[in-house]
Amino acid sequence: MLTIGVVAIQGAVSEHITALEKSSKDLDCKIVTIKRAGIVPHCDGLIIPGGESTTISRILHFEGIDKEILENKGIPMMGTCAGLIIMSDYKDEHVEGLGLIDMQVKRNAFGRQAESFQAPLTVTVFNSPFDGIFIRAPAITQVGDATDVLARFEKYGVAAQQGNKLALAFHPELGNDLRFHEYFLRLLDLHR
C-alpha cells in the first residue's frame, strides 16, 4: 500500500485529499495529513498545497517537517501555488525554499487576490488544454537544465517538472479536471 502525505498547514488540504481519492481508485493507497514531524518518513509521496508561503515556510521549519522533507527528497512530490515556492530555490527574509526543483520564482507574479483568474493552459504532457485556477499565483522565471517547463502563461512558466517533482503555480485541486493528480499518481506508481 502506498502512503501519500498532504502537508496540512494551510490551503486547500481537503480539496487535494478529495482529488487524490477520486484519482487513486485503481491504486492501493492511503492519504495522511502532515501537521508535525514524524509522518514524512512513512510517506511514498507528498503534496505541498497552496496558502501563504511565509507561514508555510515558518511552520515547516518550526515543526522540523522541512528537515524530514529534505531527508526524504527522493520521493515524488507535488507543490501547488505556495507549494511551488516552497519546492523552489526561492529565498528572502521570510521564506526559504527547499531547493527540491532547480527553478527561480516570483511571488504574486500575476497580482493580488482581487486579480485571481482562470485560463486554459497548453500542457506538454496532456492532449488538451487544462483550465488553471490562479489565486495570488507565483510564476517560474528561470529553470535549470534538469527542469522541464510543462506549461506557460504570458511570459512565465506556470508548471514544471524535475524528475519525480512537480510544481504548479495554480490550483488543480479546485477544479474538476483530475489530470494533474492522476499524473502525480503515475509518478508515484513508477517510483515504487
N, C-alpha and C. Protein backbone atom coordinates (compact mmCIF):
# COMPACT_ATOMS: atom_id res chain seq x y z
N MET A 1 0.83 -1.19 0.00
CA MET A 1 0.00 0.00 0.00
C MET A 1 0.87 1.25 0.00
N LEU A 2 0.54 2.21 -0.86
CA LEU A 2 1.26 3.48 -0.92
C LEU A 2 0.66 4.47 0.06
N THR A 3 1.50 5.27 0.70
CA THR A 3 1.04 6.32 1.60
C THR A 3 1.39 7.67 0.99
N ILE A 4 0.37 8.51 0.82
CA ILE A 4 0.57 9.85 0.28
C ILE A 4 0.30 10.85 1.39
N GLY A 5 1.28 11.71 1.64
CA GLY A 5 1.13 12.74 2.66
C GLY A 5 0.73 14.07 2.04
N VAL A 6 -0.20 14.75 2.67
CA VAL A 6 -0.59 16.10 2.26
C VAL A 6 -0.24 17.03 3.41
N VAL A 7 0.67 17.96 3.17
CA VAL A 7 1.05 18.92 4.20
C VAL A 7 -0.20 19.73 4.55
N ALA A 8 -0.59 19.69 5.82
CA ALA A 8 -1.89 20.27 6.23
C ALA A 8 -1.71 21.48 7.13
N ILE A 9 -0.84 22.39 6.69
CA ILE A 9 -0.61 23.61 7.45
C ILE A 9 -1.61 24.69 7.04
N GLN A 10 -1.87 24.79 5.76
CA GLN A 10 -2.74 25.82 5.20
C GLN A 10 -3.23 25.37 3.86
N GLY A 11 -4.19 26.09 3.31
CA GLY A 11 -4.58 25.88 1.92
C GLY A 11 -5.67 24.85 1.74
N ALA A 12 -5.83 24.44 0.49
CA ALA A 12 -6.92 23.55 0.09
C ALA A 12 -6.56 22.09 0.35
N VAL A 13 -6.31 21.77 1.61
CA VAL A 13 -5.90 20.43 2.01
C VAL A 13 -6.99 19.41 1.68
N SER A 14 -8.22 19.68 2.13
CA SER A 14 -9.31 18.71 1.90
C SER A 14 -9.59 18.55 0.41
N GLU A 15 -9.42 19.61 -0.37
CA GLU A 15 -9.63 19.52 -1.82
C GLU A 15 -8.58 18.63 -2.48
N HIS A 16 -7.33 18.72 -2.02
CA HIS A 16 -6.28 17.81 -2.53
C HIS A 16 -6.60 16.37 -2.15
N ILE A 17 -7.04 16.16 -0.92
CA ILE A 17 -7.38 14.81 -0.48
C ILE A 17 -8.51 14.24 -1.33
N THR A 18 -9.55 15.04 -1.58
CA THR A 18 -10.67 14.59 -2.41
C THR A 18 -10.20 14.26 -3.82
N ALA A 19 -9.35 15.13 -4.41
CA ALA A 19 -8.84 14.88 -5.76
C ALA A 19 -8.00 13.60 -5.80
N LEU A 20 -7.20 13.37 -4.77
CA LEU A 20 -6.40 12.14 -4.70
C LEU A 20 -7.29 10.91 -4.56
N GLU A 21 -8.31 11.01 -3.73
CA GLU A 21 -9.23 9.87 -3.55
C GLU A 21 -9.92 9.51 -4.87
N LYS A 22 -10.37 10.52 -5.60
CA LYS A 22 -11.03 10.28 -6.89
C LYS A 22 -10.05 9.73 -7.93
N SER A 23 -8.81 10.18 -7.87
CA SER A 23 -7.80 9.79 -8.87
C SER A 23 -7.17 8.44 -8.61
N SER A 24 -7.25 7.96 -7.37
CA SER A 24 -6.48 6.78 -6.98
C SER A 24 -7.33 5.52 -6.86
N LYS A 25 -8.46 5.47 -7.53
CA LYS A 25 -9.36 4.31 -7.40
C LYS A 25 -8.69 3.00 -7.79
N ASP A 26 -7.75 3.04 -8.74
CA ASP A 26 -7.09 1.82 -9.20
C ASP A 26 -5.75 1.58 -8.49
N LEU A 27 -5.47 2.38 -7.49
CA LEU A 27 -4.19 2.30 -6.80
C LEU A 27 -4.46 2.04 -5.32
N ASP A 28 -3.75 1.10 -4.74
CA ASP A 28 -3.91 0.79 -3.32
C ASP A 28 -3.11 1.81 -2.52
N CYS A 29 -3.79 2.83 -1.99
CA CYS A 29 -3.08 3.85 -1.25
C CYS A 29 -3.93 4.42 -0.12
N LYS A 30 -3.23 5.01 0.83
CA LYS A 30 -3.91 5.77 1.88
C LYS A 30 -3.33 7.17 1.89
N ILE A 31 -4.16 8.12 2.33
CA ILE A 31 -3.77 9.52 2.34
C ILE A 31 -3.73 9.99 3.78
N VAL A 32 -2.62 10.61 4.18
CA VAL A 32 -2.46 11.11 5.54
C VAL A 32 -2.16 12.61 5.50
N THR A 33 -2.53 13.30 6.57
CA THR A 33 -2.20 14.73 6.67
C THR A 33 -0.94 14.88 7.51
N ILE A 34 -0.19 15.92 7.18
CA ILE A 34 1.08 16.18 7.87
C ILE A 34 1.00 17.55 8.52
N LYS A 35 0.98 17.56 9.86
CA LYS A 35 0.96 18.81 10.64
C LYS A 35 2.15 18.88 11.59
N ARG A 36 2.89 17.78 11.69
CA ARG A 36 4.01 17.71 12.63
C ARG A 36 5.07 16.76 12.07
N ALA A 37 6.22 16.77 12.69
CA ALA A 37 7.30 15.86 12.29
C ALA A 37 6.93 14.43 12.64
N GLY A 38 7.56 13.48 11.96
CA GLY A 38 7.36 12.07 12.26
C GLY A 38 6.50 11.34 11.25
N ILE A 39 5.89 12.06 10.31
CA ILE A 39 4.98 11.44 9.34
C ILE A 39 5.64 11.30 7.96
N VAL A 40 6.39 12.31 7.55
CA VAL A 40 7.00 12.31 6.21
C VAL A 40 7.84 11.06 5.95
N PRO A 41 8.64 10.56 6.92
CA PRO A 41 9.44 9.37 6.63
C PRO A 41 8.63 8.13 6.26
N HIS A 42 7.34 8.12 6.57
CA HIS A 42 6.48 6.97 6.26
C HIS A 42 5.67 7.17 4.98
N CYS A 43 5.95 8.26 4.26
CA CYS A 43 5.20 8.57 3.04
C CYS A 43 5.97 8.14 1.79
N ASP A 44 5.22 7.69 0.80
CA ASP A 44 5.79 7.33 -0.50
C ASP A 44 5.70 8.50 -1.48
N GLY A 45 4.89 9.49 -1.17
CA GLY A 45 4.72 10.68 -1.98
C GLY A 45 4.18 11.80 -1.12
N LEU A 46 4.32 13.04 -1.61
CA LEU A 46 3.98 14.20 -0.78
C LEU A 46 3.39 15.31 -1.64
N ILE A 47 2.35 15.96 -1.11
CA ILE A 47 1.79 17.15 -1.75
C ILE A 47 1.93 18.33 -0.79
N ILE A 48 2.44 19.44 -1.30
CA ILE A 48 2.53 20.68 -0.53
C ILE A 48 1.54 21.66 -1.15
N PRO A 49 0.38 21.88 -0.50
CA PRO A 49 -0.65 22.76 -1.07
C PRO A 49 -0.27 24.24 -1.01
N GLY A 50 -1.17 25.04 -1.57
CA GLY A 50 -1.02 26.49 -1.52
C GLY A 50 -1.34 27.02 -0.13
N GLY A 51 -1.39 28.32 -0.05
CA GLY A 51 -1.58 29.03 1.21
C GLY A 51 -0.67 30.24 1.18
N GLU A 52 -0.16 30.64 2.31
CA GLU A 52 0.74 31.79 2.39
C GLU A 52 2.14 31.23 2.59
N SER A 53 3.03 31.47 1.63
CA SER A 53 4.35 30.82 1.65
C SER A 53 5.17 31.17 2.88
N THR A 54 5.03 32.40 3.41
CA THR A 54 5.77 32.77 4.63
C THR A 54 5.34 31.89 5.79
N THR A 55 4.03 31.75 5.98
CA THR A 55 3.50 30.93 7.07
C THR A 55 3.90 29.48 6.91
N ILE A 56 3.74 28.94 5.71
CA ILE A 56 4.08 27.54 5.47
C ILE A 56 5.56 27.30 5.75
N SER A 57 6.42 28.17 5.23
CA SER A 57 7.87 28.02 5.43
C SER A 57 8.23 28.03 6.91
N ARG A 58 7.66 28.98 7.66
CA ARG A 58 7.98 29.09 9.08
C ARG A 58 7.51 27.87 9.87
N ILE A 59 6.30 27.40 9.59
CA ILE A 59 5.78 26.25 10.34
C ILE A 59 6.52 24.97 9.96
N LEU A 60 6.84 24.81 8.68
CA LEU A 60 7.65 23.64 8.28
C LEU A 60 8.95 23.61 9.07
N HIS A 61 9.59 24.78 9.19
CA HIS A 61 10.85 24.87 9.92
C HIS A 61 10.65 24.64 11.42
N PHE A 62 9.64 25.32 12.00
CA PHE A 62 9.38 25.22 13.44
C PHE A 62 9.08 23.79 13.85
N GLU A 63 8.31 23.08 13.04
CA GLU A 63 7.91 21.71 13.37
C GLU A 63 8.97 20.66 12.98
N GLY A 64 9.98 21.08 12.23
CA GLY A 64 11.01 20.15 11.78
C GLY A 64 10.59 19.32 10.57
N ILE A 65 9.48 19.70 9.96
CA ILE A 65 8.99 18.97 8.78
C ILE A 65 9.91 19.21 7.59
N ASP A 66 10.46 20.43 7.50
CA ASP A 66 11.36 20.76 6.37
C ASP A 66 12.55 19.82 6.33
N LYS A 67 13.14 19.52 7.48
CA LYS A 67 14.29 18.59 7.53
C LYS A 67 13.89 17.20 7.05
N GLU A 68 12.71 16.75 7.47
CA GLU A 68 12.23 15.43 7.05
C GLU A 68 11.97 15.38 5.55
N ILE A 69 11.45 16.46 5.00
CA ILE A 69 11.23 16.50 3.55
C ILE A 69 12.57 16.39 2.83
N LEU A 70 13.57 17.12 3.29
CA LEU A 70 14.88 17.07 2.65
C LEU A 70 15.55 15.71 2.83
N GLU A 71 15.34 15.07 3.97
CA GLU A 71 15.90 13.73 4.20
C GLU A 71 15.22 12.68 3.32
N ASN A 72 14.00 12.97 2.87
CA ASN A 72 13.23 12.03 2.04
C ASN A 72 12.98 12.61 0.65
N LYS A 73 13.91 13.42 0.17
CA LYS A 73 13.68 14.16 -1.08
C LYS A 73 13.64 13.28 -2.33
N GLY A 74 13.90 12.00 -2.19
CA GLY A 74 13.82 11.10 -3.34
C GLY A 74 12.40 10.70 -3.72
N ILE A 75 11.44 10.94 -2.82
CA ILE A 75 10.06 10.53 -3.11
C ILE A 75 9.38 11.53 -4.05
N PRO A 76 8.38 11.10 -4.82
CA PRO A 76 7.64 12.04 -5.67
C PRO A 76 6.94 13.11 -4.83
N MET A 77 6.94 14.33 -5.32
CA MET A 77 6.29 15.45 -4.63
C MET A 77 5.61 16.35 -5.64
N MET A 78 4.50 16.95 -5.19
CA MET A 78 3.81 17.97 -6.00
C MET A 78 3.54 19.17 -5.10
N GLY A 79 3.90 20.34 -5.59
CA GLY A 79 3.61 21.58 -4.88
C GLY A 79 2.73 22.46 -5.73
N THR A 80 1.69 23.04 -5.11
CA THR A 80 0.78 23.92 -5.85
C THR A 80 0.80 25.31 -5.24
N CYS A 81 0.88 26.32 -6.08
CA CYS A 81 0.89 27.74 -5.68
C CYS A 81 2.02 27.98 -4.67
N ALA A 82 1.71 28.24 -3.41
CA ALA A 82 2.77 28.45 -2.42
C ALA A 82 3.66 27.22 -2.31
N GLY A 83 3.09 26.03 -2.55
CA GLY A 83 3.89 24.81 -2.54
C GLY A 83 4.99 24.83 -3.59
N LEU A 84 4.71 25.49 -4.73
CA LEU A 84 5.73 25.67 -5.77
C LEU A 84 6.88 26.50 -5.22
N ILE A 85 6.57 27.57 -4.49
CA ILE A 85 7.61 28.43 -3.90
C ILE A 85 8.44 27.62 -2.90
N ILE A 86 7.78 26.83 -2.06
CA ILE A 86 8.47 26.03 -1.05
C ILE A 86 9.40 25.01 -1.72
N MET A 87 9.01 24.46 -2.87
CA MET A 87 9.84 23.47 -3.56
C MET A 87 11.00 24.10 -4.33
N SER A 88 10.96 25.39 -4.55
CA SER A 88 11.94 26.08 -5.40
C SER A 88 13.20 26.47 -4.63
N ASP A 89 14.06 27.22 -5.32
CA ASP A 89 15.28 27.76 -4.72
C ASP A 89 15.05 29.14 -4.09
N TYR A 90 13.80 29.58 -4.01
CA TYR A 90 13.47 30.93 -3.54
C TYR A 90 13.96 31.17 -2.11
N LYS A 91 14.53 32.36 -1.88
CA LYS A 91 14.94 32.76 -0.53
C LYS A 91 14.77 34.26 -0.37
N ASP A 92 14.16 34.65 0.74
CA ASP A 92 14.17 36.05 1.17
C ASP A 92 14.16 36.04 2.69
N GLU A 93 13.89 37.18 3.31
CA GLU A 93 13.93 37.23 4.79
C GLU A 93 12.78 36.47 5.45
N HIS A 94 11.75 36.11 4.67
CA HIS A 94 10.57 35.44 5.24
C HIS A 94 10.44 33.97 4.82
N VAL A 95 10.89 33.65 3.62
CA VAL A 95 10.66 32.32 3.05
C VAL A 95 11.99 31.71 2.64
N GLU A 96 12.17 30.44 2.98
CA GLU A 96 13.33 29.71 2.50
C GLU A 96 12.86 28.47 1.77
N GLY A 97 12.97 28.50 0.44
CA GLY A 97 12.60 27.34 -0.35
C GLY A 97 13.51 26.16 -0.03
N LEU A 98 13.02 24.96 -0.34
CA LEU A 98 13.76 23.74 -0.01
C LEU A 98 14.70 23.29 -1.13
N GLY A 99 14.64 23.96 -2.28
CA GLY A 99 15.55 23.61 -3.37
C GLY A 99 15.33 22.23 -3.95
N LEU A 100 14.08 21.78 -3.97
CA LEU A 100 13.76 20.45 -4.49
C LEU A 100 13.68 20.43 -6.02
N ILE A 101 13.42 21.60 -6.60
CA ILE A 101 13.39 21.75 -8.06
C ILE A 101 14.27 22.94 -8.40
N ASP A 102 15.13 22.78 -9.40
CA ASP A 102 16.04 23.84 -9.82
C ASP A 102 15.28 24.88 -10.63
N MET A 103 14.72 25.87 -9.91
CA MET A 103 13.97 26.92 -10.59
C MET A 103 13.94 28.17 -9.71
N GLN A 104 13.86 29.30 -10.37
CA GLN A 104 13.69 30.59 -9.70
C GLN A 104 12.24 31.02 -9.89
N VAL A 105 11.67 31.63 -8.86
CA VAL A 105 10.26 32.01 -8.92
C VAL A 105 10.05 33.45 -8.48
N LYS A 106 8.91 33.98 -8.88
CA LYS A 106 8.48 35.32 -8.47
C LYS A 106 7.16 35.17 -7.73
N ARG A 107 7.11 35.64 -6.49
CA ARG A 107 5.87 35.58 -5.72
C ARG A 107 4.85 36.58 -6.27
N ASN A 108 3.57 36.23 -6.17
CA ASN A 108 2.47 37.13 -6.59
C ASN A 108 2.70 37.72 -7.97
N ALA A 109 3.18 36.91 -8.90
CA ALA A 109 3.57 37.40 -10.22
C ALA A 109 2.39 37.96 -11.02
N PHE A 110 1.18 37.48 -10.74
CA PHE A 110 0.01 37.90 -11.52
C PHE A 110 -0.91 38.83 -10.74
N GLY A 111 -0.43 39.36 -9.61
CA GLY A 111 -1.23 40.30 -8.83
C GLY A 111 -1.79 39.70 -7.56
N ARG A 112 -2.54 40.51 -6.87
CA ARG A 112 -3.12 40.14 -5.57
C ARG A 112 -4.36 39.27 -5.73
N GLN A 113 -5.01 38.97 -4.62
CA GLN A 113 -6.19 38.11 -4.59
C GLN A 113 -7.29 38.62 -5.53
N ALA A 114 -7.46 39.92 -5.58
CA ALA A 114 -8.51 40.51 -6.43
C ALA A 114 -8.27 40.26 -7.91
N GLU A 115 -7.02 39.99 -8.28
CA GLU A 115 -6.70 39.72 -9.69
C GLU A 115 -6.68 38.22 -10.00
N SER A 116 -7.28 37.41 -9.16
CA SER A 116 -7.33 35.96 -9.42
C SER A 116 -8.09 35.70 -10.72
N PHE A 117 -7.73 34.60 -11.41
CA PHE A 117 -8.33 34.33 -12.72
C PHE A 117 -8.19 32.86 -13.08
N GLN A 118 -8.91 32.44 -14.11
CA GLN A 118 -8.77 31.11 -14.70
C GLN A 118 -8.33 31.29 -16.15
N ALA A 119 -7.51 30.35 -16.62
CA ALA A 119 -7.04 30.43 -18.00
C ALA A 119 -6.74 29.03 -18.52
N PRO A 120 -7.09 28.77 -19.80
CA PRO A 120 -6.73 27.48 -20.38
C PRO A 120 -5.23 27.44 -20.66
N LEU A 121 -4.60 26.33 -20.27
CA LEU A 121 -3.15 26.19 -20.42
C LEU A 121 -2.83 25.03 -21.34
N THR A 122 -1.89 25.25 -22.23
CA THR A 122 -1.36 24.15 -23.03
C THR A 122 -0.27 23.49 -22.20
N VAL A 123 -0.49 22.20 -21.88
CA VAL A 123 0.43 21.46 -21.02
C VAL A 123 1.08 20.37 -21.87
N THR A 124 2.40 20.32 -21.85
CA THR A 124 3.14 19.42 -22.75
C THR A 124 2.79 17.94 -22.53
N VAL A 125 2.35 17.56 -21.34
CA VAL A 125 2.08 16.15 -21.05
C VAL A 125 0.59 15.78 -21.20
N PHE A 126 -0.25 16.73 -21.64
CA PHE A 126 -1.67 16.46 -21.84
C PHE A 126 -2.05 16.72 -23.30
N ASN A 127 -3.09 16.04 -23.76
CA ASN A 127 -3.54 16.19 -25.15
C ASN A 127 -4.49 17.36 -25.38
N SER A 128 -5.03 17.92 -24.30
CA SER A 128 -5.96 19.05 -24.44
C SER A 128 -5.68 20.06 -23.33
N PRO A 129 -6.14 21.30 -23.50
CA PRO A 129 -5.84 22.33 -22.50
C PRO A 129 -6.34 21.98 -21.10
N PHE A 130 -5.64 22.50 -20.12
CA PHE A 130 -6.01 22.35 -18.71
C PHE A 130 -6.40 23.73 -18.20
N ASP A 131 -7.54 23.82 -17.52
CA ASP A 131 -8.03 25.11 -17.02
C ASP A 131 -7.35 25.42 -15.68
N GLY A 132 -6.37 26.31 -15.70
CA GLY A 132 -5.63 26.67 -14.49
C GLY A 132 -6.36 27.73 -13.69
N ILE A 133 -6.43 27.52 -12.37
CA ILE A 133 -7.05 28.49 -11.46
C ILE A 133 -5.91 29.17 -10.69
N PHE A 134 -5.75 30.47 -10.94
CA PHE A 134 -4.64 31.24 -10.38
C PHE A 134 -5.15 32.17 -9.28
N ILE A 135 -4.62 32.00 -8.06
CA ILE A 135 -5.01 32.83 -6.92
C ILE A 135 -3.73 33.35 -6.26
N ARG A 136 -3.47 34.64 -6.40
CA ARG A 136 -2.21 35.22 -5.89
C ARG A 136 -1.03 34.34 -6.29
N ALA A 137 -1.01 33.97 -7.54
CA ALA A 137 -0.10 32.92 -8.01
C ALA A 137 1.33 33.40 -8.19
N PRO A 138 2.27 32.52 -7.88
CA PRO A 138 3.66 32.77 -8.24
C PRO A 138 3.88 32.40 -9.70
N ALA A 139 5.09 32.61 -10.18
CA ALA A 139 5.43 32.20 -11.53
C ALA A 139 6.89 31.75 -11.56
N ILE A 140 7.19 30.93 -12.54
CA ILE A 140 8.55 30.41 -12.72
C ILE A 140 9.26 31.35 -13.68
N THR A 141 10.37 31.92 -13.24
CA THR A 141 11.10 32.89 -14.08
C THR A 141 12.31 32.27 -14.77
N GLN A 142 12.83 31.18 -14.19
CA GLN A 142 14.02 30.54 -14.76
C GLN A 142 14.10 29.12 -14.25
N VAL A 143 14.59 28.20 -15.09
CA VAL A 143 14.78 26.81 -14.66
C VAL A 143 16.18 26.34 -15.02
N GLY A 144 16.64 25.34 -14.30
CA GLY A 144 17.92 24.72 -14.60
C GLY A 144 17.78 23.70 -15.71
N ASP A 145 18.89 23.15 -16.15
CA ASP A 145 18.91 22.22 -17.28
C ASP A 145 18.09 20.96 -17.03
N ALA A 146 17.98 20.52 -15.78
CA ALA A 146 17.26 19.27 -15.48
C ALA A 146 15.76 19.48 -15.28
N THR A 147 15.31 20.72 -15.37
CA THR A 147 13.90 21.04 -15.11
C THR A 147 13.18 21.35 -16.42
N ASP A 148 12.04 20.71 -16.62
CA ASP A 148 11.21 20.94 -17.81
C ASP A 148 10.04 21.83 -17.46
N VAL A 149 9.82 22.87 -18.26
CA VAL A 149 8.62 23.70 -18.12
C VAL A 149 7.50 22.99 -18.88
N LEU A 150 6.44 22.63 -18.17
CA LEU A 150 5.31 21.90 -18.77
C LEU A 150 4.22 22.81 -19.30
N ALA A 151 4.13 24.04 -18.76
CA ALA A 151 3.10 24.99 -19.21
C ALA A 151 3.58 26.41 -18.96
N ARG A 152 3.10 27.30 -19.83
CA ARG A 152 3.43 28.73 -19.71
C ARG A 152 2.15 29.55 -19.75
N PHE A 153 2.21 30.70 -19.11
CA PHE A 153 1.14 31.69 -19.23
C PHE A 153 1.82 33.04 -19.35
N GLU A 154 1.46 33.78 -20.40
CA GLU A 154 2.12 35.04 -20.72
C GLU A 154 3.62 34.77 -20.82
N LYS A 155 4.45 35.51 -20.11
CA LYS A 155 5.90 35.35 -20.25
C LYS A 155 6.51 34.38 -19.24
N TYR A 156 5.68 33.76 -18.41
CA TYR A 156 6.18 32.94 -17.31
C TYR A 156 5.88 31.45 -17.49
N GLY A 157 6.71 30.64 -16.86
CA GLY A 157 6.38 29.23 -16.68
C GLY A 157 5.40 29.12 -15.52
N VAL A 158 4.44 28.21 -15.62
CA VAL A 158 3.46 28.03 -14.54
C VAL A 158 3.34 26.56 -14.11
N ALA A 159 4.06 25.67 -14.78
CA ALA A 159 4.13 24.27 -14.36
C ALA A 159 5.51 23.75 -14.76
N ALA A 160 6.13 23.01 -13.85
CA ALA A 160 7.47 22.48 -14.13
C ALA A 160 7.63 21.11 -13.49
N GLN A 161 8.55 20.34 -14.07
CA GLN A 161 8.85 19.01 -13.54
C GLN A 161 10.35 18.78 -13.59
N GLN A 162 10.86 18.23 -12.50
CA GLN A 162 12.25 17.78 -12.46
C GLN A 162 12.23 16.38 -11.86
N GLY A 163 12.45 15.39 -12.70
CA GLY A 163 12.37 14.00 -12.24
C GLY A 163 10.97 13.70 -11.73
N ASN A 164 10.87 13.27 -10.47
CA ASN A 164 9.56 12.96 -9.90
C ASN A 164 8.98 14.10 -9.06
N LYS A 165 9.46 15.31 -9.30
CA LYS A 165 8.97 16.50 -8.61
C LYS A 165 8.16 17.34 -9.59
N LEU A 166 6.97 17.76 -9.16
CA LEU A 166 6.03 18.51 -9.99
C LEU A 166 5.65 19.78 -9.25
N ALA A 167 5.77 20.94 -9.90
CA ALA A 167 5.43 22.21 -9.26
C ALA A 167 4.48 23.00 -10.17
N LEU A 168 3.37 23.45 -9.58
CA LEU A 168 2.32 24.15 -10.32
C LEU A 168 2.03 25.49 -9.67
N ALA A 169 1.95 26.54 -10.46
CA ALA A 169 1.66 27.88 -9.93
C ALA A 169 0.18 28.07 -9.64
N PHE A 170 -0.64 27.15 -10.10
CA PHE A 170 -2.10 27.27 -9.99
C PHE A 170 -2.64 26.16 -9.08
N HIS A 171 -3.97 26.06 -9.00
CA HIS A 171 -4.64 25.15 -8.07
C HIS A 171 -5.45 24.09 -8.81
N PRO A 172 -4.85 22.95 -9.16
CA PRO A 172 -5.62 21.92 -9.86
C PRO A 172 -6.68 21.27 -8.96
N GLU A 173 -6.49 21.35 -7.66
CA GLU A 173 -7.41 20.73 -6.71
C GLU A 173 -8.76 21.46 -6.62
N LEU A 174 -8.82 22.69 -7.14
CA LEU A 174 -10.06 23.49 -7.04
C LEU A 174 -10.98 23.30 -8.24
N GLY A 175 -10.52 22.62 -9.27
CA GLY A 175 -11.35 22.36 -10.45
C GLY A 175 -11.79 20.90 -10.49
N ASN A 176 -12.46 20.54 -11.57
CA ASN A 176 -12.95 19.17 -11.72
C ASN A 176 -12.03 18.29 -12.57
N ASP A 177 -10.99 18.89 -13.16
CA ASP A 177 -10.06 18.16 -14.01
C ASP A 177 -9.00 17.52 -13.13
N LEU A 178 -8.96 16.21 -13.09
CA LEU A 178 -8.06 15.47 -12.20
C LEU A 178 -6.73 15.09 -12.84
N ARG A 179 -6.47 15.59 -14.04
CA ARG A 179 -5.29 15.08 -14.77
C ARG A 179 -3.97 15.31 -14.06
N PHE A 180 -3.79 16.42 -13.35
CA PHE A 180 -2.51 16.63 -12.65
C PHE A 180 -2.36 15.69 -11.46
N HIS A 181 -3.44 15.42 -10.75
CA HIS A 181 -3.36 14.46 -9.65
C HIS A 181 -3.11 13.04 -10.20
N GLU A 182 -3.75 12.73 -11.31
CA GLU A 182 -3.52 11.42 -11.95
C GLU A 182 -2.07 11.32 -12.43
N TYR A 183 -1.53 12.39 -12.98
CA TYR A 183 -0.15 12.42 -13.44
C TYR A 183 0.81 12.22 -12.25
N PHE A 184 0.53 12.91 -11.15
CA PHE A 184 1.34 12.75 -9.94
C PHE A 184 1.29 11.31 -9.43
N LEU A 185 0.11 10.71 -9.45
CA LEU A 185 -0.02 9.31 -9.01
C LEU A 185 0.74 8.35 -9.92
N ARG A 186 0.83 8.67 -11.22
CA ARG A 186 1.64 7.83 -12.12
C ARG A 186 3.12 7.94 -11.75
N LEU A 187 3.56 9.15 -11.41
CA LEU A 187 4.96 9.33 -10.95
C LEU A 187 5.20 8.48 -9.70
N LEU A 188 4.23 8.49 -8.83
CA LEU A 188 4.31 7.73 -7.58
C LEU A 188 4.36 6.23 -7.86
N ASP A 189 3.52 5.79 -8.76
CA ASP A 189 3.45 4.36 -9.10
C ASP A 189 4.76 3.90 -9.77
N LEU A 190 5.33 4.76 -10.61
CA LEU A 190 6.60 4.43 -11.27
C LEU A 190 7.76 4.37 -10.27
N HIS A 191 7.65 5.13 -9.21
CA HIS A 191 8.74 5.25 -8.23
C HIS A 191 8.82 4.04 -7.31
N ARG A 192 7.72 3.33 -7.12
CA ARG A 192 7.75 2.23 -6.12
C ARG A 192 8.54 1.03 -6.59
